[in-house]
């Protein structure tokens, strides 16, 4: 669990993913690896058309279709190599030493699960190449990646802005406690100030719980400066409006 892994494709989010990954690599002093995955359904390794029988004189069309699929896959592989090379060059320009790259053929989630043991932080765009319009909330695969992966995930917007602070929505559950520990051992060592935000209808005694999580976080890395804010909401689903700066993660 040592590397920053950044997922890139041909989407408009790719440059920002590269820049956030480079920032994370420098902040964590961790090696950076770019990952590009070719979708197996969109770019099959080899088309299997043997089940199409009885075409008679049109059998030559099967050969042409198979040849076209093979050519598309080769072009996609070459395009992926170029994207990875450009990403590495961009990272080097941002101060990263010796970034690496990997190209896989298959499903994104399966590829990430195979690499999970070496991931310290996963960087992925809010939307990928298959998402189409940037007006969508999140990409088609992002939710699955976040649910399945057991590593910290940094989801990037379409433009890079260096984070100065981290905001953690905290409710005292085991999941959020683990999230605080992950944050303390990852991005916070890069100098981010952190705010634990408790949102609930009852704020009595919440400060004590929040304060209890400041000490273990601060011991993970000296640049990590935890502080806490309790917000009272009624009803619970009311949107939180604060004056938090825009540089929060």
C-alpha atoms as a PDB file:
ATOM      1  CA  UNK A   1       0.000   0.000   0.000  1.00  0.00           C
ATOM      2  CA  UNK A   2       2.505   2.577  -1.201  1.00  0.00           C
ATOM      3  CA  UNK A   3       1.440   4.078  -4.536  1.00  0.00           C
ATOM      4  CA  UNK A   4      -0.791   6.862  -5.720  1.00  0.00           C
ATOM      5  CA  UNK A   5      -2.797   5.316  -8.578  1.00  0.00           C
ATOM      6  CA  UNK A   6      -4.480   7.705 -11.038  1.00  0.00           C
ATOM      7  CA  UNK A   7      -7.114   6.493 -13.525  1.00  0.00           C
ATOM      8  CA  UNK A   8      -7.028   8.351 -16.831  1.00  0.00           C
ATOM      9  CA  UNK A   9      -8.904   8.114 -20.112  1.00  0.00           C
ATOM     10  CA  UNK A  10      -9.753  10.408 -23.011  1.00  0.00           C
ATOM     11  CA  UNK A  11     -12.233  12.521 -21.051  1.00  0.00           C
ATOM     12  CA  UNK A  12     -12.034  16.243 -20.322  1.00  0.00           C
ATOM     13  CA  UNK A  13     -11.286  15.348 -16.681  1.00  0.00           C
ATOM     14  CA  UNK A  14      -7.955  13.671 -17.487  1.00  0.00           C
ATOM     15  CA  UNK A  15      -5.700  16.773 -17.123  1.00  0.00           C
ATOM     16  CA  UNK A  16      -7.157  17.555 -13.692  1.00  0.00           C
ATOM     17  CA  UNK A  17      -6.718  13.920 -12.625  1.00  0.00           C
ATOM     18  CA  UNK A  18      -3.047  14.149 -13.628  1.00  0.00           C
ATOM     19  CA  UNK A  19      -2.540  17.383 -11.685  1.00  0.00           C
ATOM     20  CA  UNK A  20      -4.292  16.175  -8.527  1.00  0.00           C
ATOM     21  CA  UNK A  21      -2.380  12.898  -8.690  1.00  0.00           C
ATOM     22  CA  UNK A  22       0.907  14.772  -9.013  1.00  0.00           C
ATOM     23  CA  UNK A  23      -0.018  16.963  -6.038  1.00  0.00           C
ATOM     24  CA  UNK A  24      -0.928  13.907  -3.954  1.00  0.00           C
ATOM     25  CA  UNK A  25       2.271  12.105  -4.946  1.00  0.00           C
ATOM     26  CA  UNK A  26       4.392  15.062  -3.842  1.00  0.00           C
ATOM     27  CA  UNK A  27       2.396  15.612  -0.645  1.00  0.00           C
ATOM     28  CA  UNK A  28       2.553  11.965   0.396  1.00  0.00           C
ATOM     29  CA  UNK A  29       6.055  11.423  -0.975  1.00  0.00           C
ATOM     30  CA  UNK A  30       4.627   8.326  -2.655  1.00  0.00           C
ATOM     31  CA  UNK A  31       5.317   6.882  -6.127  1.00  0.00           C
ATOM     32  CA  UNK A  32       2.785   7.773  -8.825  1.00  0.00           C
ATOM     33  CA  UNK A  33       1.337   5.294 -11.321  1.00  0.00           C
ATOM     34  CA  UNK A  34      -1.107   6.156 -14.094  1.00  0.00           C
ATOM     35  CA  UNK A  35      -3.637   3.491 -15.066  1.00  0.00           C
ATOM     36  CA  UNK A  36      -5.568   3.261 -18.331  1.00  0.00           C
ATOM     37  CA  UNK A  37      -8.113   0.478 -18.821  1.00  0.00           C
ATOM     38  CA  UNK A  38      -9.533  -0.480 -22.209  1.00  0.00           C
ATOM     39  CA  UNK A  39     -13.116  -1.642 -21.877  1.00  0.00           C
ATOM     40  CA  UNK A  40     -13.302  -5.274 -22.934  1.00  0.00           C
ATOM     41  CA  UNK A  41     -16.801  -4.966 -24.377  1.00  0.00           C
ATOM     42  CA  UNK A  42     -16.018  -1.866 -26.402  1.00  0.00           C
ATOM     43  CA  UNK A  43     -12.624  -3.132 -27.545  1.00  0.00           C
ATOM     44  CA  UNK A  44     -12.663  -6.972 -27.580  1.00  0.00           C
ATOM     45  CA  UNK A  45      -9.324  -8.727 -27.931  1.00  0.00           C
ATOM     46  CA  UNK A  46     -10.644 -10.800 -30.814  1.00  0.00           C
ATOM     47  CA  UNK A  47     -14.136 -11.045 -32.225  1.00  0.00           C
ATOM     48  CA  UNK A  48     -15.700 -14.502 -32.086  1.00  0.00           C
ATOM     49  CA  UNK A  49     -18.159 -14.764 -34.972  1.00  0.00           C
ATOM     50  CA  UNK A  50     -18.033 -18.545 -35.375  1.00  0.00           C
ATOM     51  CA  UNK A  51     -21.659 -18.886 -34.301  1.00  0.00           C
ATOM     52  CA  UNK A  52     -22.892 -16.980 -37.327  1.00  0.00           C
ATOM     53  CA  UNK A  53     -23.439 -19.782 -39.822  1.00  0.00           C
ATOM     54  CA  UNK A  54     -25.552 -20.094 -42.914  1.00  0.00           C
ATOM     55  CA  UNK A  55     -24.515 -16.764 -44.417  1.00  0.00           C
ATOM     56  CA  UNK A  56     -23.375 -18.339 -47.661  1.00  0.00           C
ATOM     57  CA  UNK A  57     -21.712 -15.772 -49.906  1.00  0.00           C
ATOM     58  CA  UNK A  58     -21.824 -13.194 -47.106  1.00  0.00           C
ATOM     59  CA  UNK A  59     -19.308 -15.063 -44.946  1.00  0.00           C
ATOM     60  CA  UNK A  60     -16.623 -12.686 -46.146  1.00  0.00           C
ATOM     61  CA  UNK A  61     -18.414  -9.972 -44.129  1.00  0.00           C
ATOM     62  CA  UNK A  62     -17.517 -11.838 -40.948  1.00  0.00           C
ATOM     63  CA  UNK A  63     -13.851 -11.688 -41.852  1.00  0.00           C
ATOM     64  CA  UNK A  64     -14.114  -7.961 -42.535  1.00  0.00           C
ATOM     65  CA  UNK A  65     -15.918  -7.330 -39.245  1.00  0.00           C
ATOM     66  CA  UNK A  66     -13.319  -9.309 -37.318  1.00  0.00           C
ATOM     67  CA  UNK A  67     -10.545  -7.392 -39.070  1.00  0.00           C
ATOM     68  CA  UNK A  68     -12.170  -4.046 -38.220  1.00  0.00           C
ATOM     69  CA  UNK A  69     -12.553  -5.012 -34.544  1.00  0.00           C
ATOM     70  CA  UNK A  70      -8.909  -6.029 -34.385  1.00  0.00           C
ATOM     71  CA  UNK A  71      -7.838  -2.764 -35.995  1.00  0.00           C
ATOM     72  CA  UNK A  72      -9.964  -0.712 -33.571  1.00  0.00           C
ATOM     73  CA  UNK A  73      -8.426  -2.513 -30.607  1.00  0.00           C
ATOM     74  CA  UNK A  74      -4.890  -1.892 -31.873  1.00  0.00           C
ATOM     75  CA  UNK A  75      -5.631   1.804 -32.407  1.00  0.00           C
ATOM     76  CA  UNK A  76      -7.183   2.067 -28.940  1.00  0.00           C
ATOM     77  CA  UNK A  77      -4.111   0.436 -27.382  1.00  0.00           C
ATOM     78  CA  UNK A  78      -1.823   2.885 -29.166  1.00  0.00           C
ATOM     79  CA  UNK A  79      -4.006   5.806 -28.123  1.00  0.00           C
ATOM     80  CA  UNK A  80      -3.811   4.573 -24.535  1.00  0.00           C
ATOM     81  CA  UNK A  81      -0.012   4.437 -24.687  1.00  0.00           C
ATOM     82  CA  UNK A  82       0.062   8.014 -25.956  1.00  0.00           C
ATOM     83  CA  UNK A  83      -2.272   9.184 -23.169  1.00  0.00           C
ATOM     84  CA  UNK A  84      -0.117   7.487 -20.545  1.00  0.00           C
ATOM     85  CA  UNK A  85       3.053   8.998 -21.999  1.00  0.00           C
ATOM     86  CA  UNK A  86       1.479  12.476 -21.964  1.00  0.00           C
ATOM     87  CA  UNK A  87       0.283  11.972 -18.384  1.00  0.00           C
ATOM     88  CA  UNK A  88       3.769  10.978 -17.230  1.00  0.00           C
ATOM     89  CA  UNK A  89       5.270  13.993 -18.984  1.00  0.00           C
ATOM     90  CA  UNK A  90       2.728  16.297 -17.332  1.00  0.00           C
ATOM     91  CA  UNK A  91       3.458  14.789 -13.905  1.00  0.00           C
ATOM     92  CA  UNK A  92       7.206  15.248 -14.369  1.00  0.00           C
ATOM     93  CA  UNK A  93       6.522  18.890 -15.231  1.00  0.00           C
ATOM     94  CA  UNK A  94       4.633  19.127 -11.929  1.00  0.00           C
ATOM     95  CA  UNK A  95       7.609  17.884  -9.945  1.00  0.00           C
ATOM     96  CA  UNK A  96       6.986  14.127  -9.757  1.00  0.00           C
ATOM     97  CA  UNK A  97      10.038  11.892 -10.034  1.00  0.00           C
ATOM     98  CA  UNK A  98       9.837   8.814 -12.283  1.00  0.00           C
ATOM     99  CA  UNK A  99       6.065   8.273 -12.630  1.00  0.00           C
ATOM    100  CA  UNK A 100       5.021   4.845 -13.909  1.00  0.00           C
ATOM    101  CA  UNK A 101       2.149   3.676 -16.104  1.00  0.00           C
ATOM    102  CA  UNK A 102       0.013   0.583 -16.568  1.00  0.00           C
ATOM    103  CA  UNK A 103      -2.427  -0.333 -19.342  1.00  0.00           C
ATOM    104  CA  UNK A 104      -5.013  -3.046 -18.817  1.00  0.00           C
ATOM    105  CA  UNK A 105      -7.643  -4.677 -21.023  1.00  0.00           C
ATOM    106  CA  UNK A 106     -10.862  -5.535 -19.202  1.00  0.00           C
ATOM    107  CA  UNK A 107     -13.125  -3.917 -16.606  1.00  0.00           C
ATOM    108  CA  UNK A 108     -12.021  -0.896 -14.588  1.00  0.00           C
ATOM    109  CA  UNK A 109     -13.274  -2.259 -11.270  1.00  0.00           C
ATOM    110  CA  UNK A 110     -11.581  -5.637 -11.745  1.00  0.00           C
ATOM    111  CA  UNK A 111      -8.321  -3.934 -12.692  1.00  0.00           C
ATOM    112  CA  UNK A 112      -8.430  -1.742  -9.586  1.00  0.00           C
ATOM    113  CA  UNK A 113      -9.220  -4.685  -7.318  1.00  0.00           C
ATOM    114  CA  UNK A 114      -6.180  -6.512  -8.702  1.00  0.00           C
ATOM    115  CA  UNK A 115      -4.018  -3.501  -7.780  1.00  0.00           C
ATOM    116  CA  UNK A 116      -5.682  -2.733  -4.436  1.00  0.00           C
ATOM    117  CA  UNK A 117      -2.834  -4.026  -2.265  1.00  0.00           C
ATOM    118  CA  UNK A 118      -0.421  -1.464  -3.706  1.00  0.00           C
ATOM    119  CA  UNK A 119      -2.801   1.527  -3.605  1.00  0.00           C
ATOM    120  CA  UNK A 120      -2.259   4.156  -0.934  1.00  0.00           C
ATOM    121  CA  UNK A 121      -4.538   6.684  -2.639  1.00  0.00           C
ATOM    122  CA  UNK A 122      -6.742   6.266  -5.717  1.00  0.00           C
ATOM    123  CA  UNK A 123      -7.288   9.370  -7.843  1.00  0.00           C
ATOM    124  CA  UNK A 124     -10.200   9.291 -10.288  1.00  0.00           C
ATOM    125  CA  UNK A 125     -12.202  11.887 -12.203  1.00  0.00           C
ATOM    126  CA  UNK A 126     -15.787  12.737 -11.310  1.00  0.00           C
ATOM    127  CA  UNK A 127     -16.736  11.740 -14.840  1.00  0.00           C
ATOM    128  CA  UNK A 128     -15.080   9.486 -17.368  1.00  0.00           C
ATOM    129  CA  UNK A 129     -14.970   9.227 -21.124  1.00  0.00           C
ATOM    130  CA  UNK A 130     -18.216   7.242 -21.288  1.00  0.00           C
ATOM    131  CA  UNK A 131     -20.166   9.787 -19.224  1.00  0.00           C
ATOM    132  CA  UNK A 132     -20.734  12.115 -22.144  1.00  0.00           C
ATOM    133  CA  UNK A 133     -22.056  15.485 -21.002  1.00  0.00           C
ATOM    134  CA  UNK A 134     -20.185  17.142 -18.148  1.00  0.00           C
ATOM    135  CA  UNK A 135     -23.541  18.263 -16.742  1.00  0.00           C
ATOM    136  CA  UNK A 136     -24.049  14.814 -15.210  1.00  0.00           C
ATOM    137  CA  UNK A 137     -23.487  14.547 -11.484  1.00  0.00           C
ATOM    138  CA  UNK A 138     -21.051  11.610 -11.494  1.00  0.00           C
ATOM    139  CA  UNK A 139     -19.728   9.108 -13.987  1.00  0.00           C
ATOM    140  CA  UNK A 140     -21.256   5.702 -14.561  1.00  0.00           C
ATOM    141  CA  UNK A 141     -18.519   3.727 -12.762  1.00  0.00           C
ATOM    142  CA  UNK A 142     -17.570   6.069  -9.939  1.00  0.00           C
ATOM    143  CA  UNK A 143     -20.126   4.891  -7.381  1.00  0.00           C
ATOM    144  CA  UNK A 144     -19.164   1.238  -7.877  1.00  0.00           C
ATOM    145  CA  UNK A 145     -15.473   2.045  -7.473  1.00  0.00           C
ATOM    146  CA  UNK A 146     -16.046   3.943  -4.219  1.00  0.00           C
ATOM    147  CA  UNK A 147     -18.282   1.220  -2.774  1.00  0.00           C
ATOM    148  CA  UNK A 148     -15.997  -1.693  -3.630  1.00  0.00           C
ATOM    149  CA  UNK A 149     -12.525  -0.281  -3.017  1.00  0.00           C
ATOM    150  CA  UNK A 150     -11.103  -0.357   0.511  1.00  0.00           C
ATOM    151  CA  UNK A 151      -8.662   2.481  -0.071  1.00  0.00           C
ATOM    152  CA  UNK A 152      -8.943   6.280   0.140  1.00  0.00           C
ATOM    153  CA  UNK A 153     -10.382   7.700  -3.097  1.00  0.00           C
ATOM    154  CA  UNK A 154      -9.790  11.273  -4.265  1.00  0.00           C
ATOM    155  CA  UNK A 155     -12.527  12.279  -6.742  1.00  0.00           C
ATOM    156  CA  UNK A 156     -11.417  15.226  -8.852  1.00  0.00           C
ATOM    157  CA  UNK A 157     -13.385  18.010 -10.571  1.00  0.00           C
ATOM    158  CA  UNK A 158     -12.625  19.108 -14.137  1.00  0.00           C
ATOM    159  CA  UNK A 159     -10.089  21.779 -13.152  1.00  0.00           C
ATOM    160  CA  UNK A 160      -7.195  21.615 -10.683  1.00  0.00           C
ATOM    161  CA  UNK A 161      -7.035  23.832  -7.612  1.00  0.00           C
ATOM    162  CA  UNK A 162      -4.516  22.950  -4.933  1.00  0.00           C
ATOM    163  CA  UNK A 163      -6.355  21.809  -1.782  1.00  0.00           C
ATOM    164  CA  UNK A 164      -5.528  23.689   1.390  1.00  0.00           C
ATOM    165  CA  UNK A 165      -8.016  22.067   3.765  1.00  0.00           C
ATOM    166  CA  UNK A 166     -10.060  18.906   4.227  1.00  0.00           C
ATOM    167  CA  UNK A 167     -13.657  18.748   5.445  1.00  0.00           C
ATOM    168  CA  UNK A 168     -14.889  15.475   6.973  1.00  0.00           C
ATOM    169  CA  UNK A 169     -18.605  14.869   7.567  1.00  0.00           C
ATOM    170  CA  UNK A 170     -18.538  12.980  10.871  1.00  0.00           C
ATOM    171  CA  UNK A 171     -21.352  11.224  12.743  1.00  0.00           C
ATOM    172  CA  UNK A 172     -19.410   8.971  15.110  1.00  0.00           C
ATOM    173  CA  UNK A 173     -20.118   5.781  13.159  1.00  0.00           C
ATOM    174  CA  UNK A 174     -17.495   3.121  12.517  1.00  0.00           C
ATOM    175  CA  UNK A 175     -17.362   4.143   8.857  1.00  0.00           C
ATOM    176  CA  UNK A 176     -16.627   7.797   9.558  1.00  0.00           C
ATOM    177  CA  UNK A 177     -14.128   6.889  12.292  1.00  0.00           C
ATOM    178  CA  UNK A 178     -12.248   4.799   9.740  1.00  0.00           C
ATOM    179  CA  UNK A 179     -12.482   7.680   7.283  1.00  0.00           C
ATOM    180  CA  UNK A 180     -10.849  10.037   9.778  1.00  0.00           C
ATOM    181  CA  UNK A 181      -8.010   7.563  10.317  1.00  0.00           C
ATOM    182  CA  UNK A 182      -7.506   7.198   6.548  1.00  0.00           C
ATOM    183  CA  UNK A 183      -7.464  10.956   6.102  1.00  0.00           C
ATOM    184  CA  UNK A 184      -4.973  11.404   8.920  1.00  0.00           C
ATOM    185  CA  UNK A 185      -2.589   8.884   7.368  1.00  0.00           C
ATOM    186  CA  UNK A 186      -2.926  10.087   3.781  1.00  0.00           C
ATOM    187  CA  UNK A 187      -3.572  13.595   2.509  1.00  0.00           C
ATOM    188  CA  UNK A 188      -3.195  15.267   5.876  1.00  0.00           C
ATOM    189  CA  UNK A 189       0.507  14.545   5.921  1.00  0.00           C
ATOM    190  CA  UNK A 190       0.667  16.945   2.973  1.00  0.00           C
ATOM    191  CA  UNK A 191      -0.127  19.939   5.185  1.00  0.00           C
ATOM    192  CA  UNK A 192      -3.940  20.091   4.913  1.00  0.00           C
ATOM    193  CA  UNK A 193      -5.850  21.576   7.801  1.00  0.00           C
ATOM    194  CA  UNK A 194      -8.816  19.365   8.641  1.00  0.00           C
ATOM    195  CA  UNK A 195     -12.284  20.170   9.935  1.00  0.00           C
ATOM    196  CA  UNK A 196     -14.523  17.464  11.391  1.00  0.00           C
ATOM    197  CA  UNK A 197     -18.102  18.518  10.694  1.00  0.00           C
ATOM    198  CA  UNK A 198     -20.808  16.915  12.816  1.00  0.00           C
ATOM    199  CA  UNK A 199     -24.299  17.403  11.372  1.00  0.00           C
ATOM    200  CA  UNK A 200     -27.219  16.346  13.576  1.00  0.00           C
ATOM    201  CA  UNK A 201     -30.391  17.665  15.166  1.00  0.00           C
ATOM    202  CA  UNK A 202     -28.788  17.310  18.590  1.00  0.00           C
ATOM    203  CA  UNK A 203     -25.408  18.876  19.248  1.00  0.00           C
ATOM    204  CA  UNK A 204     -25.259  18.248  23.014  1.00  0.00           C
ATOM    205  CA  UNK A 205     -22.150  16.238  23.955  1.00  0.00           C
ATOM    206  CA  UNK A 206     -21.120  16.058  20.276  1.00  0.00           C
ATOM    207  CA  UNK A 207     -18.105  18.290  20.831  1.00  0.00           C
ATOM    208  CA  UNK A 208     -16.704  15.710  23.258  1.00  0.00           C
ATOM    209  CA  UNK A 209     -16.887  12.997  20.595  1.00  0.00           C
ATOM    210  CA  UNK A 210     -15.355  15.278  17.988  1.00  0.00           C
ATOM    211  CA  UNK A 211     -12.567  16.318  20.327  1.00  0.00           C
ATOM    212  CA  UNK A 212     -11.767  12.681  20.989  1.00  0.00           C
ATOM    213  CA  UNK A 213     -10.850  12.231  17.344  1.00  0.00           C
ATOM    214  CA  UNK A 214      -8.587  15.270  17.080  1.00  0.00           C
ATOM    215  CA  UNK A 215      -5.696  13.795  19.063  1.00  0.00           C
ATOM    216  CA  UNK A 216      -5.220  10.508  17.148  1.00  0.00           C
ATOM    217  CA  UNK A 217      -5.439  12.432  13.874  1.00  0.00           C
ATOM    218  CA  UNK A 218      -2.802  14.936  14.891  1.00  0.00           C
ATOM    219  CA  UNK A 219      -0.357  12.182  15.786  1.00  0.00           C
ATOM    220  CA  UNK A 220      -0.401  10.800  12.237  1.00  0.00           C
ATOM    221  CA  UNK A 221       1.485  13.757  10.785  1.00  0.00           C
ATOM    222  CA  UNK A 222       2.623  17.046  12.295  1.00  0.00           C
ATOM    223  CA  UNK A 223       1.258  19.282   9.469  1.00  0.00           C
ATOM    224  CA  UNK A 224      -2.262  17.952  10.190  1.00  0.00           C
ATOM    225  CA  UNK A 225      -4.146  20.529  12.261  1.00  0.00           C
ATOM    226  CA  UNK A 226      -7.563  19.132  13.254  1.00  0.00           C
ATOM    227  CA  UNK A 227     -10.431  21.295  14.435  1.00  0.00           C
ATOM    228  CA  UNK A 228     -14.117  20.558  14.883  1.00  0.00           C
ATOM    229  CA  UNK A 229     -17.453  22.182  14.082  1.00  0.00           C
ATOM    230  CA  UNK A 230     -20.878  20.930  15.176  1.00  0.00           C
ATOM    231  CA  UNK A 231     -23.870  21.921  13.062  1.00  0.00           C
ATOM    232  CA  UNK A 232     -27.454  21.553  14.282  1.00  0.00           C
ATOM    233  CA  UNK A 233     -29.905  20.564  11.553  1.00  0.00           C
ATOM    234  CA  UNK A 234     -33.697  20.329  11.670  1.00  0.00           C
ATOM    235  CA  UNK A 235     -34.889  18.391   9.756  1.00  0.00           C
ATOM    236  CA  UNK A 236     -31.839  16.117   9.256  1.00  0.00           C
ATOM    237  CA  UNK A 237     -31.938  16.443   5.464  1.00  0.00           C
ATOM    238  CA  UNK A 238     -31.615  20.249   5.512  1.00  0.00           C
ATOM    239  CA  UNK A 239     -28.654  21.357   3.343  1.00  0.00           C
ATOM    240  CA  UNK A 240     -25.575  22.524   5.202  1.00  0.00           C
ATOM    241  CA  UNK A 241     -24.639  26.120   4.411  1.00  0.00           C
ATOM    242  CA  UNK A 242     -21.358  27.309   5.862  1.00  0.00           C
ATOM    243  CA  UNK A 243     -18.672  29.823   5.025  1.00  0.00           C
ATOM    244  CA  UNK A 244     -16.125  27.078   4.402  1.00  0.00           C
ATOM    245  CA  UNK A 245     -13.426  28.107   1.900  1.00  0.00           C
ATOM    246  CA  UNK A 246     -13.542  26.681  -1.619  1.00  0.00           C
ATOM    247  CA  UNK A 247     -10.153  25.021  -1.188  1.00  0.00           C
ATOM    248  CA  UNK A 248     -11.638  22.220   0.908  1.00  0.00           C
ATOM    249  CA  UNK A 249     -11.371  18.658  -0.319  1.00  0.00           C
END
